[in-house]
Amino acid sequence: MNAWLPILVAGLLTYATRLSFILLFGRVEIPLWLRRALRYVPPAVLTAIVFPELLLQDGALFLAPGNDRLVAGIAAILVAWRTKNVLLTILAGMLVLWVLQLL
């Protein structure tokens, strides 16, 4: 029970937070400048999550060709640019990473 209580509370808080925004945005007109700014939140969050995984190793910047994650990330970026297909991008990046780690 000790583990389930924090999980349940976190889930309820997350649900309440999301529901509050849904209810608020349904009743209040959001200014245009705020709507424009909110469009940049998902790419900013994704960048903040992905780039440290690609560029850092042991807390230091690692831009060498031996950085398997960086090479796989570049391959995924190229596939995304050419195909605009999310599933194919993920598969290509993972395949390149697995192959490089096997070598």
Protein backbone atom coordinates (compact mmCIF):
# COMPACT_ATOMS: atom_id res chain seq x y z
CA MET A 1 0.00 0.00 0.00
CA ASN A 2 2.94 2.33 0.65
CA ALA A 3 3.83 2.37 -3.04
CA TRP A 4 0.28 2.69 -4.36
CA LEU A 5 -0.71 5.77 -2.37
CA PRO A 6 1.86 8.13 -3.97
CA ILE A 7 1.05 6.70 -7.40
CA LEU A 8 -2.66 7.29 -6.86
CA VAL A 9 -2.12 10.83 -5.54
CA ALA A 10 0.20 11.69 -8.44
CA GLY A 11 -2.34 10.35 -10.92
CA LEU A 12 -5.17 12.34 -9.38
CA LEU A 13 -3.09 15.53 -9.33
CA THR A 14 -2.12 15.04 -12.96
CA TYR A 15 -5.73 14.44 -13.93
CA ALA A 16 -6.93 17.47 -11.98
CA THR A 17 -4.29 19.69 -13.56
CA ARG A 18 -5.20 18.64 -17.08
CA LEU A 19 -8.92 18.87 -16.40
CA SER A 20 -8.55 22.38 -15.01
CA PHE A 21 -6.94 23.57 -18.24
CA ILE A 22 -9.62 21.91 -20.35
CA LEU A 23 -12.36 23.54 -18.31
CA LEU A 24 -10.58 26.91 -18.26
CA PHE A 25 -9.89 26.99 -21.98
CA GLY A 26 -13.49 26.05 -22.69
CA ARG A 27 -14.80 29.12 -20.85
CA VAL A 28 -12.13 31.78 -21.26
CA GLU A 29 -10.95 33.28 -24.55
CA ILE A 30 -7.21 32.78 -24.74
CA PRO A 31 -5.28 35.75 -26.13
CA LEU A 32 -3.69 35.22 -29.53
CA TRP A 33 -0.18 35.87 -28.21
CA LEU A 34 -0.62 33.09 -25.60
CA ARG A 35 -1.96 30.63 -28.18
CA ARG A 36 1.04 31.35 -30.40
CA ALA A 37 3.42 30.86 -27.47
CA LEU A 38 1.79 27.58 -26.41
CA ARG A 39 2.46 26.09 -29.86
CA TYR A 40 6.17 26.09 -29.01
CA VAL A 41 5.81 24.17 -25.75
CA PRO A 42 5.81 20.59 -27.17
CA PRO A 43 8.93 21.08 -29.35
CA ALA A 44 10.71 22.81 -26.46
CA VAL A 45 9.91 20.00 -24.03
CA LEU A 46 10.89 17.32 -26.55
CA THR A 47 14.17 19.11 -27.24
CA ALA A 48 14.90 19.40 -23.52
CA ILE A 49 14.38 15.66 -23.12
CA VAL A 50 16.12 14.38 -26.26
CA PHE A 51 19.19 16.59 -26.72
CA PRO A 52 20.90 15.79 -23.40
CA GLU A 53 20.53 12.08 -24.21
CA LEU A 54 22.15 12.62 -27.61
CA LEU A 55 24.89 15.09 -26.69
CA LEU A 56 25.99 14.25 -23.14
CA GLN A 57 27.88 11.29 -21.83
CA ASP A 58 28.91 11.11 -18.17
CA GLY A 59 27.83 14.74 -17.77
CA ALA A 60 30.17 16.06 -20.47
CA LEU A 61 29.54 17.11 -24.06
CA PHE A 62 30.41 14.22 -26.39
CA LEU A 63 30.31 15.10 -30.10
CA ALA A 64 32.65 12.39 -31.43
CA PRO A 65 31.66 9.90 -34.15
CA GLY A 66 31.89 7.23 -31.44
CA ASN A 67 28.74 8.62 -29.82
CA ASP A 68 26.25 5.97 -30.95
CA ARG A 69 23.23 7.91 -29.70
CA LEU A 70 24.24 11.03 -31.59
CA VAL A 71 24.77 9.11 -34.82
CA ALA A 72 21.42 7.34 -34.41
CA GLY A 73 19.77 10.68 -33.65
CA ILE A 74 21.19 12.22 -36.80
CA ALA A 75 19.95 9.23 -38.80
CA ALA A 76 16.49 9.64 -37.26
CA ILE A 77 16.50 13.36 -38.06
CA LEU A 78 17.34 12.62 -41.69
CA VAL A 79 14.60 10.00 -41.95
CA ALA A 80 12.10 12.40 -40.36
CA TRP A 81 13.10 15.16 -42.74
CA ARG A 82 12.75 12.97 -45.83
CA THR A 83 9.67 10.91 -44.92
CA LYS A 84 7.76 12.99 -42.32
CA ASN A 85 6.72 9.63 -40.84
CA VAL A 86 6.99 9.35 -37.04
CA LEU A 87 6.94 5.55 -36.88
CA LEU A 88 9.58 5.20 -39.60
CA THR A 89 11.72 7.81 -37.83
CA ILE A 90 11.59 5.92 -34.54
CA LEU A 91 12.31 2.59 -36.22
CA ALA A 92 15.24 3.99 -38.19
CA GLY A 93 16.78 5.64 -35.13
CA MET A 94 16.43 2.52 -33.01
CA LEU A 95 17.76 0.27 -35.77
CA VAL A 96 20.85 2.46 -36.25
CA LEU A 97 21.42 2.59 -32.48
CA TRP A 98 21.13 -1.18 -32.11
CA VAL A 99 23.46 -1.84 -35.04
CA LEU A 100 26.06 0.60 -33.70
CA GLN A 101 25.89 -0.92 -30.24
CA LEU A 102 26.39 -4.40 -31.68
CA LEU A 103 29.50 -3.35 -33.58
